[in-house]
């Protein structure tokens, strides 16, 4: 009983802190008005804060995410995520008569991809998996419930990047996050979800990068 109460407390605290970190990230442009400073802070904000939070709250449970790796799920995940992402993106464009572009496209370059994307996406993975793990493992939710909560939050966190187009974010981003969460469930590896996520973004950005 005592362990159950401790787990539930950890779960609620972790979800609350993660949501606050995600919200705080959205407020950075209003705090750091200098573009150069904002760029540096934004690159490391989520990954540094969430690493510290997860290490303090979960300790070895969190570090265990970095001890596993699966080439099988990496090789399955990259093409599967790309196909699903492409399909839902095209379907949304047909339904809505177009789509709102990602604001990162305005600053996209190979230098940006190399220097920024790895840290930003690891931050996104730690934010997302923190919610997934807290609800699934600590609160005892069924996996589908935990992954749905995580995916909805993940989509909402992307609102500023897509000019607050809520329906597009929910329709196009939730399916991708559901896949990444499933890959984490099967591999217990943040490396797998991070590499699949990064591969998807880089492939998606290639038409712009190769102009």
N, C-alpha and C. Protein backbone atom coordinates (compact mmCIF):
# COMPACT_ATOMS: atom_id res chain seq x y z
N UNK A 1 0.83 -1.20 0.00
CA UNK A 1 0.00 0.00 0.00
C UNK A 1 0.86 1.25 0.00
N UNK A 2 1.93 1.24 0.83
CA UNK A 2 2.81 2.41 0.93
C UNK A 2 3.50 2.68 -0.40
N UNK A 3 3.98 1.61 -1.07
CA UNK A 3 4.63 1.78 -2.37
C UNK A 3 3.67 2.34 -3.41
N UNK A 4 2.41 1.89 -3.33
CA UNK A 4 1.40 2.38 -4.26
C UNK A 4 1.16 3.86 -4.08
N UNK A 5 1.09 4.30 -2.84
CA UNK A 5 0.87 5.72 -2.56
C UNK A 5 2.07 6.56 -3.00
N UNK A 6 3.26 6.03 -2.79
CA UNK A 6 4.48 6.74 -3.22
C UNK A 6 4.50 6.87 -4.75
N UNK A 7 4.15 5.77 -5.43
CA UNK A 7 4.13 5.78 -6.89
C UNK A 7 3.12 6.80 -7.42
N UNK A 8 1.94 6.82 -6.81
CA UNK A 8 0.90 7.74 -7.26
C UNK A 8 1.33 9.19 -7.03
N UNK A 9 1.96 9.43 -5.89
CA UNK A 9 2.45 10.77 -5.59
C UNK A 9 3.49 11.18 -6.62
N UNK A 10 4.43 10.27 -6.91
CA UNK A 10 5.46 10.55 -7.93
C UNK A 10 4.82 10.83 -9.29
N UNK A 11 3.81 10.03 -9.61
CA UNK A 11 3.14 10.19 -10.91
C UNK A 11 2.49 11.54 -11.06
N UNK A 12 1.71 11.95 -10.06
CA UNK A 12 1.03 13.24 -10.13
C UNK A 12 2.02 14.40 -10.16
N UNK A 13 3.06 14.30 -9.33
CA UNK A 13 4.07 15.36 -9.29
C UNK A 13 4.78 15.47 -10.63
N UNK A 14 5.14 14.32 -11.20
CA UNK A 14 5.87 14.32 -12.46
C UNK A 14 5.02 14.89 -13.59
N UNK A 15 3.76 14.52 -13.66
CA UNK A 15 2.88 15.05 -14.70
C UNK A 15 2.71 16.56 -14.54
N UNK A 16 2.50 17.01 -13.31
CA UNK A 16 2.32 18.44 -13.05
C UNK A 16 3.57 19.24 -13.44
N UNK A 17 4.72 18.76 -13.00
CA UNK A 17 5.97 19.47 -13.31
C UNK A 17 6.21 19.49 -14.82
N UNK A 18 5.95 18.37 -15.48
CA UNK A 18 6.18 18.29 -16.92
C UNK A 18 5.29 19.26 -17.68
N UNK A 19 4.03 19.36 -17.27
CA UNK A 19 3.11 20.31 -17.91
C UNK A 19 3.60 21.74 -17.68
N UNK A 20 4.08 22.03 -16.47
CA UNK A 20 4.59 23.37 -16.17
C UNK A 20 5.84 23.69 -16.99
N UNK A 21 6.70 22.70 -17.18
CA UNK A 21 7.90 22.90 -18.00
C UNK A 21 7.50 23.18 -19.44
N UNK A 22 6.53 22.39 -19.93
CA UNK A 22 6.05 22.59 -21.30
C UNK A 22 5.45 23.98 -21.49
N UNK A 23 4.68 24.44 -20.51
CA UNK A 23 4.09 25.78 -20.57
C UNK A 23 5.16 26.86 -20.48
N UNK A 24 6.12 26.64 -19.61
CA UNK A 24 7.20 27.62 -19.44
C UNK A 24 7.99 27.80 -20.74
N UNK A 25 8.18 26.71 -21.46
CA UNK A 25 8.90 26.77 -22.72
C UNK A 25 8.17 27.69 -23.71
N UNK A 26 6.84 27.67 -23.68
CA UNK A 26 6.06 28.51 -24.58
C UNK A 26 6.22 29.99 -24.24
N UNK A 27 6.58 30.28 -23.00
CA UNK A 27 6.70 31.68 -22.55
C UNK A 27 8.09 32.27 -22.76
N UNK A 28 9.04 31.44 -23.18
CA UNK A 28 10.41 31.91 -23.34
C UNK A 28 10.54 33.14 -24.25
N UNK A 29 9.79 33.22 -25.38
CA UNK A 29 9.92 34.40 -26.23
C UNK A 29 9.54 35.71 -25.54
N UNK A 30 8.71 35.60 -24.49
CA UNK A 30 8.29 36.80 -23.77
C UNK A 30 9.26 37.16 -22.65
N UNK A 31 10.15 36.24 -22.33
CA UNK A 31 11.13 36.46 -21.26
C UNK A 31 12.48 36.87 -21.83
N UNK A 32 12.89 36.17 -22.89
CA UNK A 32 14.18 36.46 -23.53
C UNK A 32 13.92 37.17 -24.86
N UNK A 33 14.04 38.48 -24.85
CA UNK A 33 13.73 39.26 -26.04
C UNK A 33 14.87 39.27 -27.04
N UNK A 34 16.08 38.99 -26.56
CA UNK A 34 17.23 38.90 -27.45
C UNK A 34 17.16 37.58 -28.22
N UNK A 35 17.13 37.64 -29.53
CA UNK A 35 16.93 36.46 -30.37
C UNK A 35 18.04 35.43 -30.16
N UNK A 36 19.27 35.88 -30.07
CA UNK A 36 20.41 34.97 -29.91
C UNK A 36 20.32 34.22 -28.58
N UNK A 37 19.97 34.95 -27.53
CA UNK A 37 19.84 34.33 -26.20
C UNK A 37 18.66 33.36 -26.19
N UNK A 38 17.55 33.78 -26.79
CA UNK A 38 16.35 32.93 -26.85
C UNK A 38 16.66 31.62 -27.58
N UNK A 39 17.45 31.71 -28.64
CA UNK A 39 17.79 30.52 -29.42
C UNK A 39 18.58 29.52 -28.59
N UNK A 40 19.53 30.02 -27.83
CA UNK A 40 20.36 29.14 -27.00
C UNK A 40 19.55 28.54 -25.85
N UNK A 41 18.79 29.39 -25.16
CA UNK A 41 17.98 28.91 -24.03
C UNK A 41 16.94 27.91 -24.51
N UNK A 42 16.28 28.23 -25.63
CA UNK A 42 15.24 27.35 -26.16
C UNK A 42 15.76 25.99 -26.57
N UNK A 43 17.01 25.96 -27.03
CA UNK A 43 17.61 24.71 -27.48
C UNK A 43 17.80 23.73 -26.33
N UNK A 44 18.21 24.25 -25.17
CA UNK A 44 18.56 23.38 -24.04
C UNK A 44 17.49 23.32 -22.94
N UNK A 45 16.51 24.18 -22.98
CA UNK A 45 15.56 24.35 -21.88
C UNK A 45 14.90 23.04 -21.45
N UNK A 46 14.20 22.41 -22.37
CA UNK A 46 13.45 21.20 -22.03
C UNK A 46 14.35 20.03 -21.64
N UNK A 47 15.41 19.84 -22.41
CA UNK A 47 16.26 18.66 -22.17
C UNK A 47 16.98 18.77 -20.82
N UNK A 48 17.48 19.96 -20.47
CA UNK A 48 18.21 20.11 -19.21
C UNK A 48 17.26 20.01 -18.02
N UNK A 49 16.17 20.76 -18.06
CA UNK A 49 15.25 20.76 -16.92
C UNK A 49 14.62 19.40 -16.72
N UNK A 50 14.17 18.76 -17.80
CA UNK A 50 13.50 17.47 -17.65
C UNK A 50 14.48 16.38 -17.24
N UNK A 51 15.74 16.47 -17.69
CA UNK A 51 16.72 15.49 -17.25
C UNK A 51 16.90 15.57 -15.74
N UNK A 52 17.01 16.78 -15.22
CA UNK A 52 17.20 16.96 -13.78
C UNK A 52 15.97 16.49 -13.02
N UNK A 53 14.77 16.88 -13.49
CA UNK A 53 13.52 16.50 -12.82
C UNK A 53 13.37 14.98 -12.78
N UNK A 54 13.57 14.34 -13.92
CA UNK A 54 13.41 12.88 -14.00
C UNK A 54 14.46 12.16 -13.16
N UNK A 55 15.67 12.67 -13.16
CA UNK A 55 16.71 12.05 -12.36
C UNK A 55 16.40 12.14 -10.87
N UNK A 56 15.88 13.28 -10.42
CA UNK A 56 15.57 13.47 -9.02
C UNK A 56 14.36 12.64 -8.58
N UNK A 57 13.36 12.54 -9.46
CA UNK A 57 12.13 11.84 -9.09
C UNK A 57 12.20 10.33 -9.33
N UNK A 58 12.78 9.92 -10.45
CA UNK A 58 12.77 8.50 -10.82
C UNK A 58 14.10 7.78 -10.61
N UNK A 59 15.16 8.56 -10.55
CA UNK A 59 16.51 8.01 -10.32
C UNK A 59 16.84 6.89 -11.30
N UNK A 60 17.08 5.68 -10.81
CA UNK A 60 17.52 4.57 -11.66
C UNK A 60 16.47 4.16 -12.70
N UNK A 61 15.20 4.36 -12.38
CA UNK A 61 14.15 4.07 -13.35
C UNK A 61 14.34 4.91 -14.60
N UNK A 62 14.68 6.17 -14.40
CA UNK A 62 14.92 7.08 -15.52
C UNK A 62 16.19 6.71 -16.26
N UNK A 63 17.27 6.47 -15.55
CA UNK A 63 18.54 6.12 -16.19
C UNK A 63 18.43 4.84 -17.00
N UNK A 64 17.50 3.98 -16.61
CA UNK A 64 17.29 2.71 -17.32
C UNK A 64 16.82 2.95 -18.75
N UNK A 65 16.17 4.08 -19.00
CA UNK A 65 15.71 4.39 -20.36
C UNK A 65 16.89 4.51 -21.32
N UNK A 66 18.05 4.87 -20.79
CA UNK A 66 19.23 5.09 -21.63
C UNK A 66 20.10 3.83 -21.74
N UNK A 67 19.74 2.77 -21.03
CA UNK A 67 20.55 1.56 -21.02
C UNK A 67 20.08 0.53 -22.06
N UNK A 68 18.95 0.81 -22.69
CA UNK A 68 18.39 -0.14 -23.65
C UNK A 68 18.44 0.43 -25.06
N UNK A 69 18.50 -0.47 -26.02
CA UNK A 69 18.44 -0.06 -27.42
C UNK A 69 17.98 -1.25 -28.25
N UNK A 70 17.23 -0.97 -29.32
CA UNK A 70 16.72 -2.03 -30.17
C UNK A 70 16.80 -1.62 -31.63
N UNK A 71 17.72 -2.25 -32.39
CA UNK A 71 17.81 -1.97 -33.82
C UNK A 71 16.52 -2.40 -34.52
N UNK A 72 15.91 -3.46 -34.02
CA UNK A 72 14.66 -3.95 -34.62
C UNK A 72 13.60 -2.87 -34.63
N UNK A 73 13.36 -2.25 -33.46
CA UNK A 73 12.30 -1.25 -33.38
C UNK A 73 12.71 0.07 -34.00
N UNK A 74 14.01 0.32 -34.07
CA UNK A 74 14.50 1.49 -34.80
C UNK A 74 14.20 1.35 -36.29
N UNK A 75 14.51 0.18 -36.84
CA UNK A 75 14.31 -0.06 -38.27
C UNK A 75 12.83 -0.14 -38.63
N UNK A 76 12.02 -0.61 -37.70
CA UNK A 76 10.57 -0.64 -37.93
C UNK A 76 10.00 0.77 -37.80
N UNK A 77 10.48 1.48 -36.79
CA UNK A 77 9.90 2.77 -36.45
C UNK A 77 10.12 3.86 -37.48
N UNK A 78 11.32 3.94 -38.07
CA UNK A 78 11.62 5.04 -38.99
C UNK A 78 10.69 5.05 -40.21
N UNK A 79 10.58 3.96 -40.97
CA UNK A 79 9.67 4.01 -42.13
C UNK A 79 8.20 4.08 -41.72
N UNK A 80 7.83 3.42 -40.62
CA UNK A 80 6.43 3.41 -40.20
C UNK A 80 5.98 4.82 -39.81
N UNK A 81 6.81 5.53 -39.04
CA UNK A 81 6.46 6.88 -38.62
C UNK A 81 6.39 7.81 -39.83
N UNK A 82 7.33 7.65 -40.76
CA UNK A 82 7.33 8.51 -41.94
C UNK A 82 6.07 8.29 -42.78
N UNK A 83 5.70 7.04 -42.98
CA UNK A 83 4.51 6.73 -43.79
C UNK A 83 3.25 7.29 -43.14
N UNK A 84 3.10 7.04 -41.84
CA UNK A 84 1.92 7.54 -41.12
C UNK A 84 1.89 9.06 -41.11
N UNK A 85 3.06 9.67 -40.83
CA UNK A 85 3.13 11.13 -40.82
C UNK A 85 2.78 11.73 -42.18
N UNK A 86 3.28 11.10 -43.24
CA UNK A 86 2.99 11.57 -44.60
C UNK A 86 1.51 11.44 -44.92
N UNK A 87 0.92 10.30 -44.54
CA UNK A 87 -0.49 10.06 -44.84
C UNK A 87 -1.41 11.03 -44.11
N UNK A 88 -1.19 11.21 -42.80
CA UNK A 88 -2.08 12.11 -42.06
C UNK A 88 -1.86 13.56 -42.49
N UNK A 89 -0.62 13.89 -42.88
CA UNK A 89 -0.36 15.24 -43.37
C UNK A 89 -1.09 15.52 -44.68
N UNK A 90 -1.02 14.56 -45.59
CA UNK A 90 -1.71 14.71 -46.88
C UNK A 90 -3.22 14.74 -46.68
N UNK A 91 -3.71 13.87 -45.81
CA UNK A 91 -5.15 13.81 -45.55
C UNK A 91 -5.64 15.13 -44.97
N UNK A 92 -4.86 15.71 -44.06
CA UNK A 92 -5.25 16.99 -43.48
C UNK A 92 -5.26 18.08 -44.55
N UNK A 93 -4.27 18.09 -45.42
CA UNK A 93 -4.20 19.09 -46.48
C UNK A 93 -5.42 19.00 -47.40
N UNK A 94 -5.84 17.77 -47.69
CA UNK A 94 -7.02 17.57 -48.53
C UNK A 94 -8.27 18.06 -47.82
N UNK A 95 -8.40 17.71 -46.55
CA UNK A 95 -9.59 18.07 -45.78
C UNK A 95 -9.67 19.58 -45.52
N UNK A 96 -8.52 20.19 -45.21
CA UNK A 96 -8.50 21.60 -44.82
C UNK A 96 -8.16 22.53 -45.97
N UNK A 97 -7.80 21.97 -47.12
CA UNK A 97 -7.44 22.80 -48.26
C UNK A 97 -6.07 23.42 -48.12
N UNK A 98 -5.20 22.77 -47.38
CA UNK A 98 -3.86 23.28 -47.15
C UNK A 98 -3.44 23.01 -45.72
N UNK A 99 -2.24 23.46 -45.35
CA UNK A 99 -1.80 23.24 -43.97
C UNK A 99 -0.92 24.40 -43.52
N UNK A 100 -0.86 24.59 -42.21
CA UNK A 100 -0.02 25.62 -41.62
C UNK A 100 1.38 25.05 -41.45
N UNK A 101 2.38 25.75 -41.98
CA UNK A 101 3.75 25.26 -41.91
C UNK A 101 4.35 25.42 -40.53
N UNK A 102 5.36 24.61 -40.25
CA UNK A 102 6.09 24.68 -38.99
C UNK A 102 6.98 25.93 -39.00
N UNK A 103 6.92 26.73 -37.93
CA UNK A 103 7.68 27.97 -37.87
C UNK A 103 9.19 27.74 -37.96
N UNK A 104 9.64 26.54 -37.61
CA UNK A 104 11.08 26.25 -37.68
C UNK A 104 11.58 26.30 -39.12
N UNK A 105 10.67 26.16 -40.08
CA UNK A 105 11.05 26.19 -41.49
C UNK A 105 11.66 27.54 -41.87
N UNK A 106 11.31 28.59 -41.11
CA UNK A 106 11.81 29.93 -41.41
C UNK A 106 13.30 30.08 -41.10
N UNK A 107 13.82 29.23 -40.23
CA UNK A 107 15.24 29.34 -39.84
C UNK A 107 16.00 28.06 -40.20
N UNK A 108 15.37 27.21 -40.97
CA UNK A 108 15.93 25.90 -41.22
C UNK A 108 17.16 25.95 -42.11
N UNK A 109 18.19 25.24 -41.70
CA UNK A 109 19.43 25.08 -42.47
C UNK A 109 20.11 23.83 -41.95
N UNK A 110 21.11 23.36 -42.69
CA UNK A 110 21.84 22.18 -42.21
C UNK A 110 22.53 22.47 -40.88
N UNK A 111 23.01 23.69 -40.72
CA UNK A 111 23.66 24.08 -39.47
C UNK A 111 22.67 24.01 -38.32
N UNK A 112 21.45 24.48 -38.56
CA UNK A 112 20.41 24.46 -37.54
C UNK A 112 20.06 23.02 -37.17
N UNK A 113 19.94 22.18 -38.17
CA UNK A 113 19.61 20.77 -37.94
C UNK A 113 20.66 20.10 -37.07
N UNK A 114 21.93 20.35 -37.38
CA UNK A 114 23.02 19.70 -36.65
C UNK A 114 23.16 20.23 -35.22
N UNK A 115 23.04 21.54 -35.06
CA UNK A 115 23.30 22.16 -33.77
C UNK A 115 22.09 22.17 -32.84
N UNK A 116 20.88 22.26 -33.40
CA UNK A 116 19.70 22.46 -32.57
C UNK A 116 18.78 21.25 -32.46
N UNK A 117 18.49 20.62 -33.58
CA UNK A 117 17.46 19.57 -33.61
C UNK A 117 17.72 18.44 -32.61
N UNK A 118 18.95 17.91 -32.50
CA UNK A 118 19.15 16.79 -31.55
C UNK A 118 18.78 17.14 -30.11
N UNK A 119 19.15 18.33 -29.65
CA UNK A 119 18.84 18.73 -28.27
C UNK A 119 17.35 19.02 -28.10
N UNK A 120 16.77 19.69 -29.08
CA UNK A 120 15.35 20.03 -28.99
C UNK A 120 14.48 18.78 -28.99
N UNK A 121 14.83 17.81 -29.83
CA UNK A 121 14.02 16.59 -29.90
C UNK A 121 14.23 15.69 -28.70
N UNK A 122 15.43 15.69 -28.13
CA UNK A 122 15.61 14.93 -26.89
C UNK A 122 14.78 15.57 -25.79
N UNK A 123 14.69 16.89 -25.78
CA UNK A 123 13.83 17.57 -24.81
C UNK A 123 12.38 17.18 -24.99
N UNK A 124 11.92 17.10 -26.24
CA UNK A 124 10.54 16.69 -26.52
C UNK A 124 10.30 15.26 -26.07
N UNK A 125 11.29 14.39 -26.28
CA UNK A 125 11.13 13.00 -25.87
C UNK A 125 11.05 12.88 -24.34
N UNK A 126 11.87 13.61 -23.63
CA UNK A 126 11.84 13.55 -22.17
C UNK A 126 10.52 14.10 -21.63
N UNK A 127 10.03 15.19 -22.22
CA UNK A 127 8.73 15.72 -21.83
C UNK A 127 7.63 14.68 -22.04
N UNK A 128 7.61 14.10 -23.23
CA UNK A 128 6.54 13.18 -23.59
C UNK A 128 6.59 11.89 -22.80
N UNK A 129 7.76 11.27 -22.73
CA UNK A 129 7.87 9.99 -22.04
C UNK A 129 7.67 10.17 -20.54
N UNK A 130 7.99 11.34 -20.01
CA UNK A 130 7.74 11.60 -18.59
C UNK A 130 6.26 11.48 -18.28
N UNK A 131 5.42 12.08 -19.13
CA UNK A 131 3.97 11.99 -18.93
C UNK A 131 3.49 10.56 -19.13
N UNK A 132 3.96 9.93 -20.20
CA UNK A 132 3.57 8.55 -20.50
C UNK A 132 3.93 7.63 -19.34
N UNK A 133 5.15 7.71 -18.87
CA UNK A 133 5.64 6.83 -17.82
C UNK A 133 4.92 7.09 -16.50
N UNK A 134 4.70 8.36 -16.19
CA UNK A 134 4.03 8.71 -14.93
C UNK A 134 2.62 8.15 -14.88
N UNK A 135 1.87 8.33 -15.97
CA UNK A 135 0.49 7.84 -15.99
C UNK A 135 0.42 6.33 -16.07
N UNK A 136 1.29 5.74 -16.86
CA UNK A 136 1.27 4.30 -17.12
C UNK A 136 1.86 3.50 -15.97
N UNK A 137 3.05 3.85 -15.55
CA UNK A 137 3.76 3.05 -14.55
C UNK A 137 3.50 3.50 -13.12
N UNK A 138 3.28 4.78 -12.90
CA UNK A 138 3.13 5.29 -11.54
C UNK A 138 1.67 5.39 -11.11
N UNK A 139 0.80 5.82 -12.01
CA UNK A 139 -0.61 5.94 -11.66
C UNK A 139 -1.41 4.69 -11.98
N UNK A 140 -0.80 3.79 -12.74
CA UNK A 140 -1.47 2.52 -13.04
C UNK A 140 -2.51 2.61 -14.14
N UNK A 141 -2.44 3.65 -14.98
CA UNK A 141 -3.37 3.74 -16.11
C UNK A 141 -3.03 2.65 -17.12
N UNK A 142 -4.03 2.29 -17.92
CA UNK A 142 -3.77 1.41 -19.04
C UNK A 142 -2.91 2.16 -20.05
N UNK A 143 -2.12 1.40 -20.82
CA UNK A 143 -1.18 2.05 -21.74
C UNK A 143 -1.90 2.97 -22.72
N UNK A 144 -3.04 2.55 -23.24
CA UNK A 144 -3.74 3.37 -24.22
C UNK A 144 -4.20 4.69 -23.62
N UNK A 145 -4.55 4.67 -22.34
CA UNK A 145 -4.96 5.90 -21.68
C UNK A 145 -3.77 6.84 -21.48
N UNK A 146 -2.66 6.27 -21.03
CA UNK A 146 -1.46 7.07 -20.79
C UNK A 146 -0.90 7.64 -22.09
N UNK A 147 -0.89 6.83 -23.14
CA UNK A 147 -0.32 7.30 -24.41
C UNK A 147 -1.21 8.35 -25.06
N UNK A 148 -2.51 8.24 -24.84
CA UNK A 148 -3.43 9.25 -25.39
C UNK A 148 -3.24 10.59 -24.69
N UNK A 149 -3.12 10.56 -23.35
CA UNK A 149 -2.87 11.79 -22.60
C UNK A 149 -1.57 12.44 -23.08
N UNK A 150 -0.52 11.64 -23.17
CA UNK A 150 0.78 12.12 -23.60
C UNK A 150 0.69 12.73 -25.00
N UNK A 151 -0.01 12.07 -25.90
CA UNK A 151 -0.06 12.50 -27.29
C UNK A 151 -0.85 13.81 -27.46
N UNK A 152 -1.92 13.95 -26.69
CA UNK A 152 -2.70 15.19 -26.74
C UNK A 152 -1.85 16.36 -26.24
N UNK A 153 -1.16 16.16 -25.11
CA UNK A 153 -0.29 17.21 -24.58
C UNK A 153 0.82 17.54 -25.57
N UNK A 154 1.39 16.52 -26.19
CA UNK A 154 2.46 16.71 -27.16
C UNK A 154 1.97 17.57 -28.33
N UNK A 155 0.75 17.31 -28.78
CA UNK A 155 0.18 18.09 -29.88
C UNK A 155 -0.06 19.54 -29.45
N UNK A 156 -0.58 19.72 -28.25
CA UNK A 156 -0.86 21.07 -27.75
C UNK A 156 0.43 21.87 -27.57
N UNK A 157 1.50 21.21 -27.12
CA UNK A 157 2.79 21.89 -26.96
C UNK A 157 3.33 22.42 -28.30
N UNK A 158 2.85 21.89 -29.40
CA UNK A 158 3.30 22.33 -30.72
C UNK A 158 2.47 23.49 -31.28
N UNK A 159 1.47 23.94 -30.57
CA UNK A 159 0.59 24.99 -31.08
C UNK A 159 1.34 26.23 -31.56
N UNK A 160 2.27 26.78 -30.77
CA UNK A 160 2.97 28.00 -31.23
C UNK A 160 3.72 27.79 -32.54
N UNK A 161 4.23 26.58 -32.75
CA UNK A 161 5.00 26.29 -33.97
C UNK A 161 4.11 26.23 -35.21
N UNK A 162 2.80 26.01 -35.01
CA UNK A 162 1.86 25.91 -36.13
C UNK A 162 0.78 26.98 -36.06
N UNK A 163 1.20 28.16 -35.58
CA UNK A 163 0.31 29.33 -35.56
C UNK A 163 -1.02 29.03 -34.85
N UNK A 164 -0.95 28.23 -33.81
CA UNK A 164 -2.09 27.90 -32.95
C UNK A 164 -3.25 27.25 -33.73
N UNK A 165 -2.90 26.47 -34.73
CA UNK A 165 -3.90 25.72 -35.48
C UNK A 165 -4.17 24.42 -34.72
N UNK A 166 -5.10 24.47 -33.78
CA UNK A 166 -5.35 23.34 -32.87
C UNK A 166 -5.76 22.08 -33.61
N UNK A 167 -6.71 22.19 -34.52
CA UNK A 167 -7.20 21.00 -35.21
C UNK A 167 -6.10 20.32 -36.01
N UNK A 168 -5.27 21.11 -36.68
CA UNK A 168 -4.17 20.51 -37.44
C UNK A 168 -3.20 19.80 -36.51
N UNK A 169 -2.86 20.44 -35.39
CA UNK A 169 -1.93 19.82 -34.44
C UNK A 169 -2.47 18.50 -33.92
N UNK A 170 -3.74 18.50 -33.53
CA UNK A 170 -4.34 17.28 -32.99
C UNK A 170 -4.40 16.18 -34.05
N UNK A 171 -4.79 16.54 -35.25
CA UNK A 171 -5.00 15.56 -36.31
C UNK A 171 -3.68 14.98 -36.82
N UNK A 172 -2.65 15.81 -36.95
CA UNK A 172 -1.42 15.36 -37.59
C UNK A 172 -0.33 14.92 -36.60
N UNK A 173 -0.35 15.46 -35.39
CA UNK A 173 0.73 15.17 -34.45
C UNK A 173 0.41 14.01 -33.51
N UNK A 174 -0.83 13.87 -33.11
CA UNK A 174 -1.19 12.77 -32.20
C UNK A 174 -0.82 11.40 -32.77
N UNK A 175 -1.13 11.08 -34.04
CA UNK A 175 -0.76 9.75 -34.56
C UNK A 175 0.74 9.48 -34.48
N UNK A 176 1.55 10.50 -34.76
CA UNK A 176 3.01 10.32 -34.70
C UNK A 176 3.48 10.05 -33.28
N UNK A 177 2.91 10.77 -32.33
CA UNK A 177 3.30 10.56 -30.93
C UNK A 177 2.86 9.19 -30.43
N UNK A 178 1.71 8.73 -30.88
CA UNK A 178 1.24 7.41 -30.49
C UNK A 178 2.24 6.33 -30.93
N UNK A 179 2.77 6.50 -32.13
CA UNK A 179 3.77 5.55 -32.64
C UNK A 179 5.04 5.60 -31.81
N UNK A 180 5.53 6.80 -31.52
CA UNK A 180 6.74 6.94 -30.72
C UNK A 180 6.57 6.35 -29.33
N UNK A 181 5.39 6.55 -28.75
CA UNK A 181 5.12 5.97 -27.43
C UNK A 181 5.12 4.44 -27.48
N UNK A 182 4.56 3.90 -28.55
CA UNK A 182 4.54 2.44 -28.69
C UNK A 182 5.96 1.90 -28.84
N UNK A 183 6.79 2.64 -29.56
CA UNK A 183 8.20 2.23 -29.71
C UNK A 183 8.91 2.23 -28.36
N UNK A 184 8.57 3.19 -27.51
CA UNK A 184 9.17 3.21 -26.18
C UNK A 184 8.68 2.01 -25.36
N UNK A 185 7.41 1.69 -25.49
CA UNK A 185 6.86 0.55 -24.76
C UNK A 185 7.57 -0.74 -25.15
N UNK A 186 7.83 -0.91 -26.43
CA UNK A 186 8.44 -2.15 -26.91
C UNK A 186 9.95 -2.20 -26.65
N UNK A 187 10.61 -1.05 -26.65
CA UNK A 187 12.07 -1.05 -26.53
C UNK A 187 12.58 -0.60 -25.17
N UNK A 188 11.73 0.12 -24.42
CA UNK A 188 12.13 0.73 -23.15
C UNK A 188 13.37 1.60 -23.33
N UNK A 189 13.46 2.22 -24.50
CA UNK A 189 14.66 2.99 -24.86
C UNK A 189 14.30 4.37 -25.37
N UNK A 190 14.80 5.40 -24.71
CA UNK A 190 14.60 6.76 -25.19
C UNK A 190 15.46 7.01 -26.43
N UNK A 191 16.54 6.24 -26.60
CA UNK A 191 17.37 6.39 -27.78
C UNK A 191 16.59 6.03 -29.04
N UNK A 192 15.78 5.00 -28.96
CA UNK A 192 14.99 4.57 -30.12
C UNK A 192 14.00 5.66 -30.52
N UNK A 193 13.23 6.16 -29.56
CA UNK A 193 12.23 7.18 -29.90
C UNK A 193 12.90 8.45 -30.39
N UNK A 194 14.04 8.81 -29.79
CA UNK A 194 14.76 10.02 -30.20
C UNK A 194 15.29 9.90 -31.62
N UNK A 195 15.89 8.77 -31.95
CA UNK A 195 16.44 8.58 -33.29
C UNK A 195 15.34 8.49 -34.36
N UNK A 196 14.24 7.83 -34.02
CA UNK A 196 13.12 7.74 -34.96
C UNK A 196 12.52 9.13 -35.17
N UNK A 197 12.32 9.85 -34.08
CA UNK A 197 11.78 11.21 -34.13
C UNK A 197 12.68 12.12 -34.97
N UNK A 198 13.98 12.04 -34.73
CA UNK A 198 14.93 12.88 -35.45
C UNK A 198 14.97 12.50 -36.93
N UNK A 199 14.95 11.22 -37.24
CA UNK A 199 14.95 10.78 -38.63
C UNK A 199 13.72 11.30 -39.37
N UNK A 200 12.57 11.23 -38.69
CA UNK A 200 11.33 11.71 -39.30
C UNK A 200 11.40 13.20 -39.62
N UNK A 201 11.89 13.99 -38.67
CA UNK A 201 11.96 15.44 -38.89
C UNK A 201 12.94 15.79 -40.00
N UNK A 202 14.10 15.14 -40.00
CA UNK A 202 15.11 15.45 -41.02
C UNK A 202 14.61 15.08 -42.41
N UNK A 203 13.98 13.90 -42.53
CA UNK A 203 13.43 13.48 -43.82
C UNK A 203 12.35 14.46 -44.27
N UNK A 204 11.51 14.90 -43.33
CA UNK A 204 10.44 15.84 -43.65
C UNK A 204 10.98 17.20 -44.08
N UNK A 205 12.14 17.58 -43.52
CA UNK A 205 12.74 18.88 -43.83
C UNK A 205 13.59 18.86 -45.10
N UNK A 206 13.86 17.68 -45.66
CA UNK A 206 14.76 17.58 -46.81
C UNK A 206 14.34 18.45 -48.00
N UNK A 207 13.05 18.53 -48.35
CA UNK A 207 12.67 19.39 -49.48
C UNK A 207 13.11 20.85 -49.29
N UNK A 208 13.13 21.31 -48.05
CA UNK A 208 13.56 22.68 -47.76
C UNK A 208 15.09 22.76 -47.72
N UNK A 209 15.70 21.78 -47.08
CA UNK A 209 17.15 21.80 -46.94
C UNK A 209 17.88 21.65 -48.28
N UNK A 210 17.25 20.97 -49.22
CA UNK A 210 17.91 20.70 -50.50
C UNK A 210 17.59 21.73 -51.59
N UNK A 211 16.88 22.78 -51.20
CA UNK A 211 16.56 23.81 -52.17
C UNK A 211 17.84 24.52 -52.65
